[in-house]
Amino acid sequence: MENLFSLFINSVFVGNILLAYFLGMCSFVAVSKNMNTAVGLGFAVVFVCTITAPVNWAVYRFFLAPGALSWAGFPEADLSYLKLITFIAVIAALVQAVEMVIDRFSPELYTALGVFLPLIAVNCAILGTSLFMVERSYTLMETLVFGFGAGVGWLLAIASMAAIQVKLRYANIPKGLEGYGITMIVTGLMAMGFMIFSGIAL
């Protein structure tokens, strides 16, 4: 239990999927201008990360990993080279389901997210979560906690950026840094701020 808590804290703060690895930057930069949209997309990413990571774990563990098909009579089969395309297909299918649910229960959020909702399917933060799960040889429970923590970390990052963007509207920004320039500078400063958590020992 202590190990799972440590993994969660690490994935949210120390190894923040966005601020430590800079994954998912496209939608982060584009959607963080509005707090409501940013938080809505953040929760969608939390949900998608939480469900796709364990599903991809099961797909890899029982179908793709070396020796995974021994239950089917193919003990020497190794389909691990298919993990990238398989993970993308699983993520795309689950994101499509999330999109339909949001359209059904929250049309305002669906309209606000616009084209960025389908872009969750190709959000490298979500794909990176599944790939990290394989690389680090997580168990199913560790994968579930890591997926949830990675999503929460992404939500925390985009919500923080949205809050800063509100303040920046009243700031006297040099002309050459307006728009994406100041956004990238603030992102870098946020990343350095999150490096403080690397000293946490759990």
C-alpha atoms as a PDB file:
ATOM      1  CA  MET A   1       0.000   0.000   0.000  1.00  0.00           C
ATOM      2  CA  GLU A   2       2.840   2.366   0.889  1.00  0.00           C
ATOM      3  CA  ASN A   3       4.490   1.548  -2.432  1.00  0.00           C
ATOM      4  CA  LEU A   4       1.296   2.449  -4.329  1.00  0.00           C
ATOM      5  CA  PHE A   5       0.978   5.757  -2.471  1.00  0.00           C
ATOM      6  CA  SER A   6       4.605   6.545  -3.266  1.00  0.00           C
ATOM      7  CA  LEU A   7       4.000   5.685  -6.926  1.00  0.00           C
ATOM      8  CA  PHE A   8       0.960   7.984  -7.025  1.00  0.00           C
ATOM      9  CA  ILE A   9       2.832  10.933  -5.484  1.00  0.00           C
ATOM     10  CA  ASN A  10       5.741  10.344  -7.831  1.00  0.00           C
ATOM     11  CA  SER A  11       3.547  10.277 -10.939  1.00  0.00           C
ATOM     12  CA  VAL A  12       1.698  13.455  -9.912  1.00  0.00           C
ATOM     13  CA  PHE A  13       4.626  15.608  -8.779  1.00  0.00           C
ATOM     14  CA  VAL A  14       8.133  14.197  -9.246  1.00  0.00           C
ATOM     15  CA  GLY A  15       7.566  12.460 -12.578  1.00  0.00           C
ATOM     16  CA  ASN A  16       4.753  14.682 -13.831  1.00  0.00           C
ATOM     17  CA  ILE A  17       3.973  13.377 -17.308  1.00  0.00           C
ATOM     18  CA  LEU A  18       3.782  16.910 -18.726  1.00  0.00           C
ATOM     19  CA  LEU A  19       6.274  18.960 -16.746  1.00  0.00           C
ATOM     20  CA  ALA A  20       8.946  16.260 -16.364  1.00  0.00           C
ATOM     21  CA  TYR A  21       8.627  14.554 -19.756  1.00  0.00           C
ATOM     22  CA  PHE A  22       6.793  17.305 -21.706  1.00  0.00           C
ATOM     23  CA  LEU A  23       4.233  14.859 -23.094  1.00  0.00           C
ATOM     24  CA  GLY A  24       0.840  16.202 -24.132  1.00  0.00           C
ATOM     25  CA  MET A  25       2.116  19.721 -24.821  1.00  0.00           C
ATOM     26  CA  CYS A  26      -0.047  20.347 -27.909  1.00  0.00           C
ATOM     27  CA  SER A  27      -3.429  20.263 -26.166  1.00  0.00           C
ATOM     28  CA  PHE A  28      -1.878  21.745 -22.998  1.00  0.00           C
ATOM     29  CA  VAL A  29      -0.793  24.921 -24.798  1.00  0.00           C
ATOM     30  CA  ALA A  30      -3.921  25.221 -26.921  1.00  0.00           C
ATOM     31  CA  VAL A  31      -6.607  24.611 -24.264  1.00  0.00           C
ATOM     32  CA  SER A  32      -5.032  26.272 -21.221  1.00  0.00           C
ATOM     33  CA  LYS A  33      -6.325  29.719 -22.199  1.00  0.00           C
ATOM     34  CA  ASN A  34      -9.723  29.031 -20.598  1.00  0.00           C
ATOM     35  CA  MET A  35     -10.061  27.655 -17.067  1.00  0.00           C
ATOM     36  CA  ASN A  36     -13.335  25.761 -17.574  1.00  0.00           C
ATOM     37  CA  THR A  37     -12.155  24.116 -20.780  1.00  0.00           C
ATOM     38  CA  ALA A  38      -8.751  23.318 -19.284  1.00  0.00           C
ATOM     39  CA  VAL A  39     -10.241  21.648 -16.217  1.00  0.00           C
ATOM     40  CA  GLY A  40     -12.781  19.767 -18.356  1.00  0.00           C
ATOM     41  CA  LEU A  41     -10.065  18.440 -20.638  1.00  0.00           C
ATOM     42  CA  GLY A  42      -7.930  17.650 -17.599  1.00  0.00           C
ATOM     43  CA  PHE A  43     -10.625  15.459 -16.065  1.00  0.00           C
ATOM     44  CA  ALA A  44     -11.142  13.769 -19.438  1.00  0.00           C
ATOM     45  CA  VAL A  45      -7.403  12.973 -19.543  1.00  0.00           C
ATOM     46  CA  VAL A  46      -7.543  11.627 -15.971  1.00  0.00           C
ATOM     47  CA  PHE A  47     -10.396   9.333 -16.931  1.00  0.00           C
ATOM     48  CA  VAL A  48      -8.819   8.163 -20.188  1.00  0.00           C
ATOM     49  CA  CYS A  49      -5.402   7.568 -18.563  1.00  0.00           C
ATOM     50  CA  THR A  50      -7.004   5.609 -15.741  1.00  0.00           C
ATOM     51  CA  ILE A  51      -8.902   3.244 -18.036  1.00  0.00           C
ATOM     52  CA  THR A  52      -6.428   2.891 -20.929  1.00  0.00           C
ATOM     53  CA  ALA A  53      -3.341   2.046 -18.856  1.00  0.00           C
ATOM     54  CA  PRO A  54      -4.803  -1.121 -17.235  1.00  0.00           C
ATOM     55  CA  VAL A  55      -6.510  -2.178 -20.472  1.00  0.00           C
ATOM     56  CA  ASN A  56      -3.220  -1.837 -22.345  1.00  0.00           C
ATOM     57  CA  TRP A  57      -1.497  -3.700 -19.494  1.00  0.00           C
ATOM     58  CA  ALA A  58      -3.869  -6.627 -19.991  1.00  0.00           C
ATOM     59  CA  VAL A  59      -3.450  -6.548 -23.777  1.00  0.00           C
ATOM     60  CA  TYR A  60       0.326  -6.547 -23.446  1.00  0.00           C
ATOM     61  CA  ARG A  61       0.450  -9.109 -20.639  1.00  0.00           C
ATOM     62  CA  PHE A  62      -1.851 -11.679 -22.275  1.00  0.00           C
ATOM     63  CA  PHE A  63      -1.249 -11.113 -26.003  1.00  0.00           C
ATOM     64  CA  LEU A  64       1.891  -9.147 -26.865  1.00  0.00           C
ATOM     65  CA  ALA A  65       4.622  -9.841 -24.300  1.00  0.00           C
ATOM     66  CA  PRO A  66       7.223 -12.561 -25.002  1.00  0.00           C
ATOM     67  CA  GLY A  67       5.602 -15.886 -24.108  1.00  0.00           C
ATOM     68  CA  ALA A  68       2.218 -14.261 -23.484  1.00  0.00           C
ATOM     69  CA  LEU A  69       0.471 -16.589 -25.941  1.00  0.00           C
ATOM     70  CA  SER A  70       1.577 -19.753 -24.148  1.00  0.00           C
ATOM     71  CA  TRP A  71      -2.050 -20.174 -23.056  1.00  0.00           C
ATOM     72  CA  ALA A  72      -2.947 -20.484 -26.760  1.00  0.00           C
ATOM     73  CA  GLY A  73      -0.194 -22.993 -27.514  1.00  0.00           C
ATOM     74  CA  PHE A  74       2.406 -20.514 -28.819  1.00  0.00           C
ATOM     75  CA  PRO A  75       4.942 -20.210 -25.976  1.00  0.00           C
ATOM     76  CA  GLU A  76       7.671 -18.795 -28.224  1.00  0.00           C
ATOM     77  CA  ALA A  77       5.530 -16.068 -29.778  1.00  0.00           C
ATOM     78  CA  ASP A  78       6.715 -12.487 -29.226  1.00  0.00           C
ATOM     79  CA  LEU A  79       4.377  -9.770 -30.495  1.00  0.00           C
ATOM     80  CA  SER A  80       5.841  -6.978 -28.360  1.00  0.00           C
ATOM     81  CA  TYR A  81       6.823  -5.093 -31.522  1.00  0.00           C
ATOM     82  CA  LEU A  82       3.102  -4.443 -32.049  1.00  0.00           C
ATOM     83  CA  LYS A  83       2.624  -2.653 -28.733  1.00  0.00           C
ATOM     84  CA  LEU A  84       2.785   0.877 -30.174  1.00  0.00           C
ATOM     85  CA  ILE A  85       0.087   0.418 -32.813  1.00  0.00           C
ATOM     86  CA  THR A  86      -2.004  -1.753 -30.475  1.00  0.00           C
ATOM     87  CA  PHE A  87      -1.894   0.782 -27.651  1.00  0.00           C
ATOM     88  CA  ILE A  88      -2.887   3.568 -30.054  1.00  0.00           C
ATOM     89  CA  ALA A  89      -5.855   1.507 -31.292  1.00  0.00           C
ATOM     90  CA  VAL A  90      -7.034   0.778 -27.731  1.00  0.00           C
ATOM     91  CA  ILE A  91      -6.671   4.439 -26.729  1.00  0.00           C
ATOM     92  CA  ALA A  92      -8.559   5.616 -29.838  1.00  0.00           C
ATOM     93  CA  ALA A  93     -11.432   3.228 -29.159  1.00  0.00           C
ATOM     94  CA  LEU A  94     -11.755   4.235 -25.498  1.00  0.00           C
ATOM     95  CA  VAL A  95     -11.485   7.951 -26.331  1.00  0.00           C
ATOM     96  CA  GLN A  96     -14.308   7.534 -28.834  1.00  0.00           C
ATOM     97  CA  ALA A  97     -16.426   6.077 -26.035  1.00  0.00           C
ATOM     98  CA  VAL A  98     -15.514   8.991 -23.727  1.00  0.00           C
ATOM     99  CA  GLU A  99     -16.399  11.449 -26.491  1.00  0.00           C
ATOM    100  CA  MET A 100     -19.856   9.926 -26.875  1.00  0.00           C
ATOM    101  CA  VAL A 101     -20.439  10.028 -23.104  1.00  0.00           C
ATOM    102  CA  ILE A 102     -19.421  13.714 -22.856  1.00  0.00           C
ATOM    103  CA  ASP A 103     -21.601  14.570 -25.862  1.00  0.00           C
ATOM    104  CA  ARG A 104     -24.532  12.832 -24.185  1.00  0.00           C
ATOM    105  CA  PHE A 105     -24.204  14.214 -20.654  1.00  0.00           C
ATOM    106  CA  SER A 106     -22.345  17.544 -21.099  1.00  0.00           C
ATOM    107  CA  PRO A 107     -22.999  19.155 -24.503  1.00  0.00           C
ATOM    108  CA  GLU A 108     -21.519  22.463 -23.283  1.00  0.00           C
ATOM    109  CA  LEU A 109     -18.179  20.843 -22.430  1.00  0.00           C
ATOM    110  CA  TYR A 110     -18.287  18.864 -25.679  1.00  0.00           C
ATOM    111  CA  THR A 111     -18.748  22.079 -27.659  1.00  0.00           C
ATOM    112  CA  ALA A 112     -16.086  23.923 -25.665  1.00  0.00           C
ATOM    113  CA  LEU A 113     -13.492  21.198 -26.195  1.00  0.00           C
ATOM    114  CA  GLY A 114     -14.251  21.060 -29.909  1.00  0.00           C
ATOM    115  CA  VAL A 115     -11.502  19.432 -31.956  1.00  0.00           C
ATOM    116  CA  PHE A 116      -9.289  18.893 -28.905  1.00  0.00           C
ATOM    117  CA  LEU A 117     -11.486  16.100 -27.556  1.00  0.00           C
ATOM    118  CA  PRO A 118     -10.662  13.725 -30.448  1.00  0.00           C
ATOM    119  CA  LEU A 119      -7.041  14.822 -30.081  1.00  0.00           C
ATOM    120  CA  ILE A 120      -6.946  13.018 -26.715  1.00  0.00           C
ATOM    121  CA  ALA A 121      -6.711   9.874 -28.840  1.00  0.00           C
ATOM    122  CA  VAL A 122      -3.286  10.998 -30.084  1.00  0.00           C
ATOM    123  CA  ASN A 123      -2.250  12.732 -26.861  1.00  0.00           C
ATOM    124  CA  CYS A 124       1.289  11.501 -26.320  1.00  0.00           C
ATOM    125  CA  ALA A 125       0.838  11.800 -22.536  1.00  0.00           C
ATOM    126  CA  ILE A 126      -1.728   8.991 -22.612  1.00  0.00           C
ATOM    127  CA  LEU A 127       0.345   6.852 -24.959  1.00  0.00           C
ATOM    128  CA  GLY A 128       3.447   7.603 -22.896  1.00  0.00           C
ATOM    129  CA  THR A 129       1.682   6.381 -19.757  1.00  0.00           C
ATOM    130  CA  SER A 130       1.069   2.983 -21.356  1.00  0.00           C
ATOM    131  CA  LEU A 131       4.611   2.771 -22.726  1.00  0.00           C
ATOM    132  CA  PHE A 132       6.118   3.687 -19.334  1.00  0.00           C
ATOM    133  CA  MET A 133       3.975   0.947 -17.786  1.00  0.00           C
ATOM    134  CA  VAL A 134       5.629  -1.631 -20.040  1.00  0.00           C
ATOM    135  CA  GLU A 135       9.127  -0.208 -19.650  1.00  0.00           C
ATOM    136  CA  ARG A 136       8.904  -0.193 -15.843  1.00  0.00           C
ATOM    137  CA  SER A 137       7.264  -3.644 -15.606  1.00  0.00           C
ATOM    138  CA  TYR A 138       4.384  -2.467 -13.409  1.00  0.00           C
ATOM    139  CA  THR A 139       1.815  -4.870 -12.003  1.00  0.00           C
ATOM    140  CA  LEU A 140      -1.874  -4.329 -12.765  1.00  0.00           C
ATOM    141  CA  MET A 141      -2.484  -2.399  -9.535  1.00  0.00           C
ATOM    142  CA  GLU A 142       0.660  -0.312 -10.037  1.00  0.00           C
ATOM    143  CA  THR A 143      -0.440   0.413 -13.604  1.00  0.00           C
ATOM    144  CA  LEU A 144      -3.873   1.548 -12.405  1.00  0.00           C
ATOM    145  CA  VAL A 145      -2.339   3.866  -9.783  1.00  0.00           C
ATOM    146  CA  PHE A 146       0.268   5.157 -12.221  1.00  0.00           C
ATOM    147  CA  GLY A 147      -2.351   5.862 -14.912  1.00  0.00           C
ATOM    148  CA  PHE A 148      -4.542   7.735 -12.438  1.00  0.00           C
ATOM    149  CA  GLY A 149      -1.566   9.657 -11.029  1.00  0.00           C
ATOM    150  CA  ALA A 150      -0.304  10.606 -14.488  1.00  0.00           C
ATOM    151  CA  GLY A 151      -3.754  11.952 -15.367  1.00  0.00           C
ATOM    152  CA  VAL A 152      -4.011  13.893 -12.114  1.00  0.00           C
ATOM    153  CA  GLY A 153      -0.547  15.345 -12.733  1.00  0.00           C
ATOM    154  CA  TRP A 154      -1.579  16.463 -16.205  1.00  0.00           C
ATOM    155  CA  LEU A 155      -4.783  17.985 -14.794  1.00  0.00           C
ATOM    156  CA  LEU A 156      -2.778  19.813 -12.118  1.00  0.00           C
ATOM    157  CA  ALA A 157      -0.391  21.204 -14.731  1.00  0.00           C
ATOM    158  CA  ILE A 158      -3.044  22.456 -17.161  1.00  0.00           C
ATOM    159  CA  ALA A 159      -5.224  23.906 -14.364  1.00  0.00           C
ATOM    160  CA  SER A 160      -2.190  25.764 -12.994  1.00  0.00           C
ATOM    161  CA  MET A 161      -1.351  27.110 -16.433  1.00  0.00           C
ATOM    162  CA  ALA A 162      -4.961  28.229 -16.972  1.00  0.00           C
ATOM    163  CA  ALA A 163      -4.887  30.107 -13.653  1.00  0.00           C
ATOM    164  CA  ILE A 164      -1.624  31.808 -14.639  1.00  0.00           C
ATOM    165  CA  GLN A 165      -3.054  32.682 -18.068  1.00  0.00           C
ATOM    166  CA  VAL A 166      -5.860  34.589 -16.332  1.00  0.00           C
ATOM    167  CA  LYS A 167      -3.280  36.714 -14.499  1.00  0.00           C
ATOM    168  CA  LEU A 168      -1.225  37.204 -17.664  1.00  0.00           C
ATOM    169  CA  ARG A 169      -4.157  38.976 -19.331  1.00  0.00           C
ATOM    170  CA  TYR A 170      -3.490  41.940 -17.061  1.00  0.00           C
ATOM    171  CA  ALA A 171       0.301  41.749 -17.289  1.00  0.00           C
ATOM    172  CA  ASN A 172       2.477  44.036 -19.374  1.00  0.00           C
ATOM    173  CA  ILE A 173       4.120  41.397 -21.567  1.00  0.00           C
ATOM    174  CA  PRO A 174       6.821  42.484 -24.047  1.00  0.00           C
ATOM    175  CA  LYS A 175       5.447  42.467 -27.574  1.00  0.00           C
ATOM    176  CA  GLY A 176       7.797  39.761 -28.809  1.00  0.00           C
ATOM    177  CA  LEU A 177       6.748  37.348 -26.057  1.00  0.00           C
ATOM    178  CA  GLU A 178       2.975  37.595 -26.398  1.00  0.00           C
ATOM    179  CA  GLY A 179       1.065  34.400 -27.066  1.00  0.00           C
ATOM    180  CA  TYR A 180       3.015  31.154 -27.263  1.00  0.00           C
ATOM    181  CA  GLY A 181       6.290  32.798 -26.271  1.00  0.00           C
ATOM    182  CA  ILE A 182       5.249  33.660 -22.729  1.00  0.00           C
ATOM    183  CA  THR A 183       3.308  30.367 -22.486  1.00  0.00           C
ATOM    184  CA  MET A 184       6.438  28.329 -23.138  1.00  0.00           C
ATOM    185  CA  ILE A 185       8.474  30.424 -20.696  1.00  0.00           C
ATOM    186  CA  VAL A 186       5.858  29.927 -17.968  1.00  0.00           C
ATOM    187  CA  THR A 187       5.762  26.180 -18.748  1.00  0.00           C
ATOM    188  CA  GLY A 188       9.523  25.994 -18.288  1.00  0.00           C
ATOM    189  CA  LEU A 189       9.303  27.862 -14.973  1.00  0.00           C
ATOM    190  CA  MET A 190       6.525  25.533 -13.815  1.00  0.00           C
ATOM    191  CA  ALA A 191       8.683  22.537 -14.745  1.00  0.00           C
ATOM    192  CA  MET A 192      11.568  23.929 -12.695  1.00  0.00           C
ATOM    193  CA  GLY A 193       9.169  24.532  -9.812  1.00  0.00           C
ATOM    194  CA  PHE A 194       8.035  20.909  -9.909  1.00  0.00           C
ATOM    195  CA  MET A 195      11.674  19.793  -9.745  1.00  0.00           C
ATOM    196  CA  ILE A 196      11.527  20.791  -6.068  1.00  0.00           C
ATOM    197  CA  PHE A 197       9.431  17.681  -5.431  1.00  0.00           C
ATOM    198  CA  SER A 198      12.269  15.443  -6.651  1.00  0.00           C
ATOM    199  CA  GLY A 199      13.764  15.694  -3.161  1.00  0.00           C
ATOM    200  CA  ILE A 200      10.720  14.059  -1.566  1.00  0.00           C
ATOM    201  CA  ALA A 201      11.546  10.651  -0.086  1.00  0.00           C
ATOM    202  CA  LEU A 202       8.589   8.373   0.657  1.00  0.00           C
END
